[in-house]
Protein backbone atom coordinates (compact mmCIF):
# COMPACT_ATOMS: atom_id res chain seq x y z
CA MET A 1 0.00 0.00 0.00
CA PHE A 2 2.60 2.54 1.11
CA VAL A 3 5.05 2.20 -1.76
CA GLY A 4 2.73 3.96 -4.24
CA VAL A 5 2.11 6.68 -1.68
CA TYR A 6 5.86 7.01 -1.18
CA HIS A 7 6.42 7.71 -4.90
CA CYS A 8 3.48 10.09 -4.87
CA LEU A 9 4.99 11.98 -1.91
CA ARG A 10 8.37 12.24 -3.59
CA LYS A 11 6.90 13.73 -6.77
CA GLY A 12 5.20 16.50 -4.82
CA VAL A 13 2.14 16.93 -7.06
CA ALA A 14 0.93 20.56 -7.01
CA ASN A 15 -2.83 19.90 -7.11
CA GLY A 16 -4.48 21.31 -3.96
CA GLY A 17 -6.54 18.20 -3.13
CA MET A 18 -3.54 15.98 -3.81
CA ALA A 19 -1.39 18.14 -1.48
CA GLN A 20 -3.95 17.62 1.28
CA PHE A 21 -3.96 13.87 0.66
CA GLN A 22 -0.14 13.80 0.69
CA GLU A 23 -0.04 15.62 4.03
CA MET A 24 -2.50 13.14 5.50
CA MET A 25 -0.42 10.21 4.27
CA ARG A 26 2.78 11.77 5.64
CA GLN A 27 1.17 12.09 9.04
CA GLN A 28 -0.05 8.50 8.87
CA LEU A 29 3.43 7.23 7.92
CA GLU A 30 5.05 9.22 10.72
CA SER A 31 2.48 7.98 13.21
CA SER A 32 3.03 4.34 12.13
CA MET A 33 6.81 4.77 12.37
CA HIS A 34 6.49 6.33 15.84
CA THR A 35 4.34 3.38 17.02
CA GLU A 36 6.85 0.83 15.65
CA LEU A 37 9.81 2.59 17.28
CA GLU A 38 7.99 2.62 20.63
CA LYS A 39 7.41 -1.14 20.27
CA LEU A 40 11.14 -1.63 19.59
CA LEU A 41 12.05 0.41 22.70
CA ASP A 42 9.71 -1.74 24.80
CA THR A 43 11.80 -4.84 23.94
CA SER A 44 14.66 -3.59 26.15
CA THR A 45 15.30 -1.81 29.45
CA GLY A 46 18.06 0.17 31.16
CA ALA A 47 21.04 1.73 29.41
CA GLU A 48 20.40 0.11 26.00
CA ARG A 49 16.86 1.53 25.94
CA ASP A 50 18.08 5.01 26.93
CA VAL A 51 20.76 5.06 24.20
CA SER A 52 18.30 3.80 21.58
CA LYS A 53 15.71 6.39 22.62
CA LYS A 54 18.24 9.17 21.98
CA ASP A 55 19.21 7.58 18.64
CA PHE A 56 15.55 7.35 17.62
CA GLU A 57 15.07 11.09 18.21
CA GLY A 58 17.69 11.74 15.52
CA PHE A 59 16.18 9.07 13.26
CA ASN A 60 12.66 10.53 13.64
CA ASN A 61 13.97 13.93 12.57
CA LEU A 62 15.63 12.39 9.50
CA PHE A 63 12.53 10.32 8.64
CA HIS A 64 10.29 13.41 8.97
CA ARG A 65 12.54 15.38 6.61
CA PHE A 66 12.74 12.41 4.22
CA LEU A 67 8.94 12.41 3.88
CA GLN A 68 8.89 16.20 3.28
CA VAL A 69 11.46 16.24 0.48
CA LYS A 70 10.08 16.86 -3.00
CA GLY A 71 12.38 16.23 -5.94
CA PRO A 72 16.15 16.90 -6.02
CA SER A 73 17.84 18.83 -3.19
CA VAL A 74 19.50 21.27 -5.61
CA GLU A 75 18.20 23.13 -8.65
CA TRP A 76 20.91 22.80 -11.28
CA ILE A 77 20.29 26.26 -12.68
CA LYS A 78 21.13 27.86 -9.29
CA ILE A 79 24.57 26.22 -9.05
CA GLN A 80 27.45 28.68 -9.32
CA ARG A 81 31.22 28.39 -9.22
CA PRO A 82 32.59 29.20 -5.76
CA PRO A 83 33.99 32.77 -5.44
CA GLU A 84 37.78 33.02 -5.97
CA ASP A 85 38.62 33.64 -2.31
CA SER A 86 36.40 30.82 -0.98
CA ILE A 87 38.89 28.14 -2.08
CA GLN A 88 42.45 29.08 -1.15
CA PRO A 89 45.53 27.39 -2.63
CA TYR A 90 47.49 25.53 0.05
CA ASP A 91 50.71 27.30 -0.99
CA LYS A 92 49.18 30.65 -0.01
CA ILE A 93 48.25 29.28 3.45
CA ALA A 94 51.72 27.73 3.93
CA ALA A 95 53.49 30.94 2.78
CA ARG A 96 52.48 32.62 6.03
CA GLY A 97 54.95 30.38 7.85
CA LEU A 98 54.55 29.03 11.37
CA PRO A 99 54.54 30.89 14.70
CA ASP A 100 57.40 30.57 17.18
CA ASN A 101 55.16 28.62 19.52
CA VAL A 102 53.51 25.84 17.51
CA ALA A 103 52.54 24.13 20.78
CA ASN A 104 49.94 26.84 21.54
CA SER A 105 48.04 25.96 18.35
CA LEU A 106 48.41 22.19 18.81
CA ASN A 107 47.02 22.34 22.35
CA LYS A 108 43.77 23.68 20.87
CA LEU A 109 43.42 20.68 18.53
CA VAL A 110 41.70 17.29 18.73
CA VAL A 111 42.22 14.63 16.03
CA VAL A 112 39.03 12.70 15.19
CA LYS A 113 39.12 9.59 13.03
CA LEU A 114 35.99 8.10 11.44
CA ASN A 115 36.27 4.48 12.56
CA GLY A 116 32.84 3.00 11.87
CA GLY A 117 33.71 0.83 8.86
CA LEU A 118 34.40 -2.89 8.60
CA GLY A 119 37.07 -4.46 6.39
CA THR A 120 34.56 -6.67 4.55
CA SER A 121 35.31 -5.17 1.11
CA MET A 122 38.88 -6.44 1.52
CA GLY A 123 37.77 -9.83 2.86
CA CYS A 124 38.55 -9.04 6.52
CA LYS A 125 36.41 -9.42 9.61
CA GLY A 126 36.24 -6.69 12.23
CA PRO A 127 37.14 -2.99 12.02
CA LYS A 128 38.95 -1.86 8.90
CA SER A 129 41.31 0.20 11.09
CA LEU A 130 42.87 -3.05 12.37
CA ILE A 131 44.09 -4.22 8.93
CA SER A 132 47.89 -4.23 8.59
CA VAL A 133 48.96 -1.78 5.91
CA ARG A 134 52.70 -1.27 6.31
CA ASN A 135 55.42 -3.18 8.23
CA GLU A 136 52.77 -4.96 10.33
CA ASN A 137 51.33 -1.55 11.35
CA THR A 138 47.55 -1.12 11.15
CA PHE A 139 45.72 2.09 10.21
CA LEU A 140 45.19 2.66 13.94
CA ASP A 141 48.87 2.01 14.79
CA LEU A 142 49.98 4.60 12.22
CA THR A 143 47.46 7.17 13.53
CA VAL A 144 48.66 6.73 17.13
CA GLN A 145 52.32 6.98 16.02
CA GLN A 146 51.63 10.24 14.15
CA ILE A 147 49.97 11.94 17.11
CA GLU A 148 52.46 10.60 19.63
CA HIS A 149 55.27 12.03 17.46
CA LEU A 150 53.56 15.45 17.51
CA ASN A 151 53.07 15.35 21.27
CA LYS A 152 56.69 14.38 21.91
CA THR A 153 58.17 16.84 19.39
CA TYR A 154 56.24 19.88 20.62
CA ASN A 155 55.54 18.77 24.23
CA THR A 156 51.78 19.00 23.62
CA ASP A 157 48.62 17.11 24.48
CA VAL A 158 46.75 16.42 21.24
CA PRO A 159 44.15 13.71 21.98
CA LEU A 160 42.82 11.13 19.53
CA VAL A 161 39.07 10.56 19.33
CA LEU A 162 37.62 7.57 17.46
CA MET A 163 34.05 7.65 16.22
CA ASN A 164 33.14 3.97 16.30
CA SER A 165 29.96 2.27 15.14
CA PHE A 166 28.17 -0.64 16.81
CA ASN A 167 30.05 -2.80 14.27
CA THR A 168 33.53 -1.69 15.38
CA ASP A 169 33.23 -0.51 18.99
CA GLU A 170 33.90 -3.74 20.89
CA ASP A 171 36.90 -4.89 18.83
CA THR A 172 38.41 -1.39 18.81
CA LYS A 173 38.15 -0.99 22.58
CA LYS A 174 39.90 -4.33 23.11
CA ILE A 175 42.86 -3.26 20.98
CA LEU A 176 43.18 0.19 22.60
CA GLN A 177 44.77 -1.42 25.69
CA LYS A 178 47.99 -1.84 23.69
CA TYR A 179 48.41 1.97 23.52
CA THR A 180 48.20 2.53 27.29
CA HIS A 181 51.85 3.61 27.53
CA HIS A 182 51.84 5.78 24.38
CA ARG A 183 51.82 9.54 24.79
CA VAL A 184 48.31 9.94 23.36
CA LYS A 185 45.03 10.19 25.23
CA ILE A 186 42.46 8.15 23.31
CA HIS A 187 38.70 8.69 23.63
CA THR A 188 35.89 6.91 21.81
CA PHE A 189 32.22 7.57 21.20
CA ASN A 190 29.66 5.67 19.17
CA GLN A 191 27.72 6.96 16.23
CA SER A 192 23.99 6.30 16.31
CA ARG A 193 22.25 3.05 15.48
CA TYR A 194 19.28 3.57 13.16
CA PRO A 195 16.65 1.06 11.96
CA ARG A 196 16.69 -0.03 8.33
CA ILE A 197 13.38 0.72 6.63
CA ASN A 198 11.38 -1.78 4.56
CA LYS A 199 11.13 -0.14 1.12
CA GLU A 200 7.55 -1.33 0.63
CA SER A 201 5.97 -0.51 4.00
CA LEU A 202 8.35 2.29 5.09
CA LEU A 203 8.49 0.68 8.55
CA PRO A 204 11.46 -0.77 10.50
CA VAL A 205 12.74 -4.23 9.54
CA ALA A 206 13.90 -5.17 13.08
CA SER A 207 11.49 -6.74 15.56
CA ASN A 208 13.49 -5.87 18.71
CA LEU A 209 16.59 -3.97 19.85
CA ASN A 210 18.85 -7.04 19.86
CA MET A 211 21.75 -7.26 17.43
CA ASN A 212 21.66 -11.01 16.85
CA GLY A 213 19.92 -13.55 14.64
CA GLN A 214 17.56 -12.12 12.04
CA ASN A 215 17.75 -8.71 13.73
CA THR A 216 21.42 -8.22 12.79
CA ASP A 217 20.37 -6.89 9.39
CA GLY A 218 17.80 -4.56 10.93
CA TRP A 219 20.27 -1.86 11.93
CA TYR A 220 22.87 0.42 10.35
CA PRO A 221 25.18 3.31 11.31
CA PRO A 222 23.76 6.38 9.49
CA GLY A 223 26.84 7.73 7.71
CA HIS A 224 29.55 10.05 9.01
CA GLY A 225 27.23 13.08 9.01
CA ASP A 226 25.96 11.65 12.31
CA ILE A 227 29.22 12.81 13.94
CA TYR A 228 27.74 16.13 15.05
CA ALA A 229 24.78 14.71 16.98
CA SER A 230 26.53 11.67 18.41
CA PHE A 231 29.64 13.66 19.46
CA TYR A 232 27.39 16.21 21.20
CA ASN A 233 25.17 13.53 22.81
CA SER A 234 28.19 11.60 24.14
CA GLY A 235 29.22 14.49 26.40
CA LEU A 236 32.74 14.34 24.96
CA LEU A 237 32.28 17.58 23.00
CA ASP A 238 31.62 19.57 26.20
CA GLN A 239 34.47 17.80 27.96
CA LEU A 240 36.98 18.81 25.27
CA ILE A 241 35.73 22.42 25.14
CA ALA A 242 36.20 22.60 28.94
CA GLN A 243 39.82 21.50 28.39
CA GLY A 244 40.42 24.50 26.09
CA LYS A 245 40.17 22.60 22.79
CA GLU A 246 38.90 24.71 19.87
CA TYR A 247 39.12 22.67 16.66
CA ILE A 248 38.77 19.08 15.55
CA PHE A 249 40.59 17.67 12.53
CA VAL A 250 38.28 14.98 11.13
CA SER A 251 39.28 12.40 8.50
CA ASN A 252 38.65 8.83 7.41
CA ILE A 253 40.93 6.43 9.25
CA ASP A 254 41.81 4.72 5.95
CA ASN A 255 43.16 7.97 4.42
CA LEU A 256 46.88 7.64 5.11
CA GLY A 257 47.54 11.14 3.75
CA ALA A 258 45.37 12.79 6.41
CA THR A 259 48.02 13.89 8.90
CA VAL A 260 47.88 17.01 11.09
CA ASP A 261 48.94 19.98 8.96
CA LEU A 262 50.47 22.76 11.08
CA HIS A 263 49.98 25.44 8.41
CA ILE A 264 46.21 24.88 8.15
CA LEU A 265 45.93 24.77 11.95
CA HIS A 266 47.88 28.02 12.30
CA HIS A 267 45.66 29.68 9.67
CA LEU A 268 42.58 28.76 11.72
CA VAL A 269 43.73 29.83 15.17
CA SER A 270 45.42 33.05 14.00
CA GLN A 271 42.27 34.67 12.57
CA PRO A 272 40.66 37.48 14.61
CA ASN A 273 37.78 36.10 16.71
CA GLY A 274 35.00 37.80 14.73
CA LYS A 275 36.39 36.41 11.47
CA ARG A 276 37.23 32.93 12.73
CA CYS A 277 36.74 30.29 10.08
CA GLU A 278 34.47 27.62 11.60
CA PHE A 279 34.87 24.99 8.89
CA VAL A 280 37.69 24.12 6.46
CA MET A 281 37.27 21.44 3.82
CA GLU A 282 40.45 20.17 2.20
CA VAL A 283 39.85 19.69 -1.51
CA THR A 284 42.31 18.55 -4.17
CA ASP A 285 42.49 18.59 -7.97
CA LYS A 286 40.24 16.05 -9.63
CA THR A 287 41.62 13.38 -11.96
CA ARG A 288 39.61 10.97 -14.08
CA ALA A 289 39.78 8.49 -11.17
CA ASP A 290 37.92 10.93 -8.89
CA VAL A 291 34.92 11.84 -11.04
CA LYS A 292 32.39 10.60 -8.47
CA GLY A 293 33.83 12.60 -5.56
CA GLY A 294 31.77 15.45 -4.06
CA THR A 295 32.72 19.00 -5.09
CA LEU A 296 32.28 22.53 -3.71
CA ILE A 297 29.78 24.91 -5.28
CA GLN A 298 28.23 28.28 -4.46
CA TYR A 299 24.49 27.84 -3.87
CA GLU A 300 22.09 30.52 -2.65
CA GLY A 301 25.01 32.58 -1.34
CA LYS A 302 26.62 29.73 0.62
CA LEU A 303 29.55 27.39 0.01
CA ARG A 304 28.04 23.94 -0.33
CA LEU A 305 29.10 20.34 -0.95
CA LEU A 306 27.52 18.77 -4.04
CA GLU A 307 27.51 14.96 -4.09
CA ILE A 308 26.82 12.84 -7.17
CA ALA A 309 23.67 11.46 -5.51
CA GLN A 310 22.17 14.99 -5.57
CA VAL A 311 22.84 15.55 -9.28
CA PRO A 312 19.88 15.22 -11.68
CA LYS A 313 20.50 12.36 -14.17
CA ALA A 314 20.64 14.76 -17.10
CA HIS A 315 23.65 16.55 -15.56
CA VAL A 316 25.73 13.61 -14.26
CA ASP A 317 28.21 13.80 -17.15
CA GLU A 318 28.62 17.52 -16.53
CA PHE A 319 29.24 16.83 -12.83
CA LYS A 320 31.92 14.26 -13.69
CA SER A 321 33.68 16.70 -16.03
CA VAL A 322 37.22 17.48 -14.93
CA SER A 323 37.07 20.85 -16.71
CA LYS A 324 33.89 22.22 -15.06
CA PHE A 325 34.27 20.83 -11.53
CA LYS A 326 38.02 20.79 -11.01
CA ILE A 327 38.27 19.82 -7.34
CA PHE A 328 36.78 17.19 -5.03
CA ASN A 329 36.32 16.75 -1.29
CA THR A 330 39.03 14.68 0.46
CA ASN A 331 36.88 14.44 3.63
CA ASN A 332 39.73 16.00 5.62
CA LEU A 333 37.83 18.63 7.63
CA TRP A 334 38.76 21.19 10.31
CA ILE A 335 35.76 22.21 12.40
CA SER A 336 35.18 24.55 15.34
CA LEU A 337 34.01 22.73 18.48
CA ALA A 338 32.13 25.79 19.79
CA ALA A 339 30.31 26.07 16.45
CA ILE A 340 29.25 22.40 16.53
CA LYS A 341 27.85 22.95 20.04
CA ARG A 342 26.00 26.11 18.96
CA LEU A 343 24.46 24.50 15.85
CA GLN A 344 23.42 21.36 17.75
CA GLU A 345 21.75 23.39 20.48
CA GLN A 346 19.97 25.57 17.92
CA LYS A 347 18.97 22.45 15.97
CA ALA A 348 20.41 24.26 12.94
CA MET A 349 22.46 21.40 11.44
CA ASP A 350 20.63 20.87 8.18
CA LEU A 351 22.28 18.07 6.18
CA GLU A 352 20.99 16.69 2.89
CA ILE A 353 19.57 13.21 3.24
CA ILE A 354 21.25 10.42 1.28
CA VAL A 355 18.78 7.61 0.52
CA ASN A 356 20.86 4.45 0.28
CA PRO A 357 18.97 1.42 -1.12
CA LYS A 358 20.17 -2.04 -0.03
CA THR A 359 19.08 -5.61 -0.59
CA LEU A 360 19.43 -7.85 2.47
CA ASP A 361 20.71 -11.43 2.23
CA GLY A 362 17.15 -12.78 2.22
CA GLY A 363 16.29 -10.61 -0.79
CA GLN A 364 14.35 -7.95 1.13
CA ASN A 365 14.68 -4.40 -0.25
CA VAL A 366 15.40 -1.76 2.37
CA ILE A 367 16.49 1.87 2.49
CA GLN A 368 18.96 3.57 4.80
CA LEU A 369 18.72 7.29 5.53
CA GLU A 370 22.23 8.70 5.81
CA THR A 371 24.07 12.03 5.92
CA ALA A 372 27.64 13.13 5.06
CA VAL A 373 29.90 15.07 7.43
CA GLY A 374 31.04 17.52 4.72
CA ALA A 375 27.45 18.53 3.85
CA ALA A 376 27.42 20.66 7.01
CA ILE A 377 29.79 23.21 5.43
CA LYS A 378 26.82 25.44 4.53
CA CYS A 379 25.80 25.71 8.21
CA PHE A 380 29.07 27.20 9.50
CA ASP A 381 30.32 30.79 9.41
CA ASN A 382 33.26 31.86 7.21
CA ALA A 383 33.63 28.35 5.73
CA LEU A 384 36.64 27.84 3.49
CA GLY A 385 37.98 25.30 1.01
CA ILE A 386 41.77 24.78 0.87
CA ASN A 387 43.16 23.17 -2.28
CA VAL A 388 45.78 20.81 -0.84
CA PRO A 389 48.42 18.66 -2.57
CA ARG A 390 47.24 15.26 -3.74
CA SER A 391 49.54 13.64 -1.16
CA ARG A 392 46.97 14.50 1.55
CA PHE A 393 44.51 12.12 -0.11
CA LEU A 394 45.82 8.57 0.10
CA PRO A 395 42.82 6.34 0.82
CA VAL A 396 43.17 2.57 1.06
CA LYS A 397 39.82 1.16 -0.10
CA THR A 398 41.06 -1.90 -2.02
CA THR A 399 44.06 -4.23 -2.25
CA SER A 400 45.14 -2.21 -5.32
CA ASP A 401 45.51 0.80 -2.99
CA LEU A 402 47.21 -1.44 -0.42
CA LEU A 403 49.86 -2.50 -2.94
CA LEU A 404 50.79 1.17 -3.52
CA VAL A 405 51.25 1.99 0.19
CA MET A 406 53.17 -1.24 0.91
CA SER A 407 55.61 -0.56 -1.95
CA ASN A 408 58.85 1.41 -2.16
CA LEU A 409 56.86 4.33 -3.60
CA TYR A 410 56.48 5.46 0.01
CA SER A 411 58.74 5.70 3.01
CA LEU A 412 57.37 5.49 6.55
CA GLU A 413 58.49 7.79 9.32
CA ALA A 414 56.74 8.41 12.68
CA GLY A 415 53.51 6.89 11.30
CA SER A 416 53.44 9.13 8.20
CA LEU A 417 53.88 7.94 4.62
CA THR A 418 55.73 10.21 2.20
CA MET A 419 56.37 9.70 -1.51
CA SER A 420 59.93 8.53 -2.19
CA PRO A 421 62.17 11.30 -3.58
CA LYS A 422 63.44 8.67 -6.05
CA ARG A 423 60.08 8.73 -7.86
CA GLU A 424 60.36 11.14 -10.77
CA PHE A 425 56.61 11.81 -11.11
CA PRO A 426 54.46 13.34 -8.36
CA THR A 427 51.48 11.11 -9.24
CA THR A 428 50.98 7.52 -8.09
CA PRO A 429 50.76 4.69 -10.64
CA HIS A 430 47.34 3.43 -11.68
CA VAL A 431 47.02 -0.10 -10.26
CA LYS A 432 44.17 -2.48 -11.04
CA LEU A 433 44.33 -5.94 -9.44
CA GLY A 434 41.79 -8.57 -10.49
CA SER A 435 39.33 -10.53 -8.37
CA SER A 436 41.97 -13.11 -7.32
CA PHE A 437 43.56 -10.31 -5.26
CA THR A 438 40.41 -8.82 -3.68
CA LYS A 439 40.79 -10.42 -0.25
CA VAL A 440 43.81 -9.33 1.81
CA GLN A 441 44.78 -12.86 2.85
CA GLU A 442 44.82 -14.15 -0.74
CA TYR A 443 46.51 -10.96 -1.96
CA LEU A 444 49.38 -11.47 0.52
CA THR A 445 50.00 -15.06 -0.64
CA ARG A 446 50.49 -13.84 -4.24
CA PHE A 447 53.56 -11.69 -3.46
CA GLU A 448 56.79 -13.24 -2.13
CA SER A 449 57.84 -9.62 -1.79
CA ILE A 450 56.24 -6.36 -2.94
CA PRO A 451 57.64 -5.40 -6.38
CA ASP A 452 59.82 -2.33 -7.00
CA MET A 453 57.30 0.19 -8.41
CA LEU A 454 59.32 3.44 -8.45
CA GLU A 455 59.15 3.74 -12.24
CA LEU A 456 55.71 2.20 -12.75
CA ASP A 457 52.94 4.13 -14.55
CA HIS A 458 50.22 1.53 -14.91
CA LEU A 459 49.70 -2.06 -13.70
CA THR A 460 46.80 -4.34 -14.59
CA VAL A 461 46.75 -7.91 -13.26
CA SER A 462 43.97 -10.39 -14.04
CA GLY A 463 43.58 -14.08 -13.18
CA ASP A 464 45.78 -16.51 -11.24
CA VAL A 465 49.08 -14.58 -11.04
CA THR A 466 51.89 -14.74 -8.47
CA PHE A 467 55.02 -12.61 -8.04
CA GLY A 468 58.42 -13.94 -6.94
CA LYS A 469 60.91 -11.98 -4.86
CA ASN A 470 62.60 -8.78 -6.07
CA VAL A 471 60.42 -8.24 -9.13
CA SER A 472 60.71 -4.80 -10.76
CA LEU A 473 57.83 -3.18 -12.69
CA LYS A 474 58.33 -0.15 -14.96
CA GLY A 475 56.18 1.84 -17.38
CA THR A 476 52.95 0.04 -18.34
CA VAL A 477 52.69 -3.63 -17.33
CA ILE A 478 49.67 -5.81 -18.11
CA ILE A 479 49.56 -9.41 -16.89
CA ILE A 480 46.58 -11.56 -17.88
CA ALA A 481 46.28 -15.23 -16.99
CA ASN A 482 43.57 -16.97 -18.99
CA HIS A 483 40.90 -18.93 -17.16
CA GLY A 484 42.43 -22.20 -15.93
CA ASP A 485 45.99 -20.96 -16.53
CA ARG A 486 48.47 -19.59 -14.05
CA ILE A 487 51.28 -17.08 -14.47
CA ASP A 488 54.23 -17.02 -12.05
CA ILE A 489 56.45 -13.98 -12.46
CA PRO A 490 59.94 -15.34 -11.66
CA ALA A 491 62.07 -13.90 -8.84
CA GLY A 492 64.31 -11.06 -10.00
CA SER A 493 62.26 -10.32 -13.15
CA MET A 494 62.21 -6.82 -14.60
CA LEU A 495 59.09 -6.05 -16.64
CA GLU A 496 59.08 -2.75 -18.53
CA ASN A 497 56.24 -1.85 -20.91
CA LYS A 498 55.28 -5.52 -21.22
CA ILE A 499 52.11 -7.50 -21.78
CA VAL A 500 52.27 -11.00 -20.32
CA SER A 501 49.42 -13.33 -21.17
CA GLY A 502 48.55 -17.03 -21.45
CA ASN A 503 50.27 -19.61 -19.27
CA LEU A 504 53.67 -18.81 -17.79
CA ARG A 505 54.33 -21.16 -14.94
CA ILE A 506 57.83 -21.65 -13.54
CA LEU A 507 58.28 -25.01 -11.90
CA ASP A 508 61.06 -26.09 -9.58
CA HIS A 509 63.05 -29.08 -10.92
């Protein structure tokens, strides 16, 4: 019954009688959702019920707004290029130099890592942050090393805050004990837990608050835009403000380029109070590999993040154009703590809703209502984009990315990866590993050692391929093992601008 009404609501028909009918149906849907959420709360008591009740307040707000939305969230004709001074080149920020007392700035900073994701896309169980990426160091190890190095170098107290999800919280907390003697204070808080919605009935899928059995699929963490509400609700925001902290630096934990930048921090804290920038988004130049990344636009007088999901179908190619939209959001963000508190208390955090359709294992179609952390840029005063070097965007989403960061393209020092000075080009090679390499465990068995990639431009590997020790890859290398065949690249091989195909198997004798 409801699915037709849902489409009718989304179209926003102008007819007066229809508008009245739509409003009645909205109210009915909200009332039904409210009743179902109350039933879910009644399946538990104590602390779990209290936490869920707070989560459901945020969900109800999102669901209400979801039912109100008519058509796309942006009108394409109103989109304008951002004004010149609203996106500053990093070189201009860095040219100001650093103050004599860097410690004063650092003591106002908190590093926040988005740690809600699992490593399932790389075939791993548990939090993605616990995958080893370099010399047995995990994403989390490298993050702790970076901040500890800052605290020791400048005699400061920069804390690390992890935003976990219900998927990652338990495993992450267990592992945190190993950092007890590091010079980093580590705090955690959990993002909300929202109910998945049956696409047909627009009601929750879960039958109780438990996270086991059939109910496991009934819940989801609602995207990193939830950081503002969950950070505020946790009490940690107030605690950090009371300690004299002024800014958070937020980034994805799998972005190995997202280290604390002293020049950006200095730019923020050195502005006069009335002109303080409350929100900085690091953007970088778009390449053809980044065409789906969100970009900054001017919209109704405000700097705003435009995501591909908000773009009308007729304009998707235009959005992907490298010439029209030249930069994209790295999701490295610098945000004022006092401003987050103010906006939360005024209930003025208005983030576009991302409707994420999913199909559960049993075949049931559901939707998830999510928000993105960067979408809040329009809510803050004096927001700014800074066009940073590409090196600050080094995400590890796949084993192809993992191969790059494990190779001699990068050197590791104090938890930070930097491009080797021996590489003659500033860009990283384009690496595409086939399905035999998707899972980390299988990927690791296919390399006796990581190849020398200093002079590599492009690598494509498909099929059952293994690499011996001390292999060197240069220029463009394409290796394709046909179905049923296997290719072993012998130890010590040097492949330069080569295509290897068919069956090349080296056997011991």
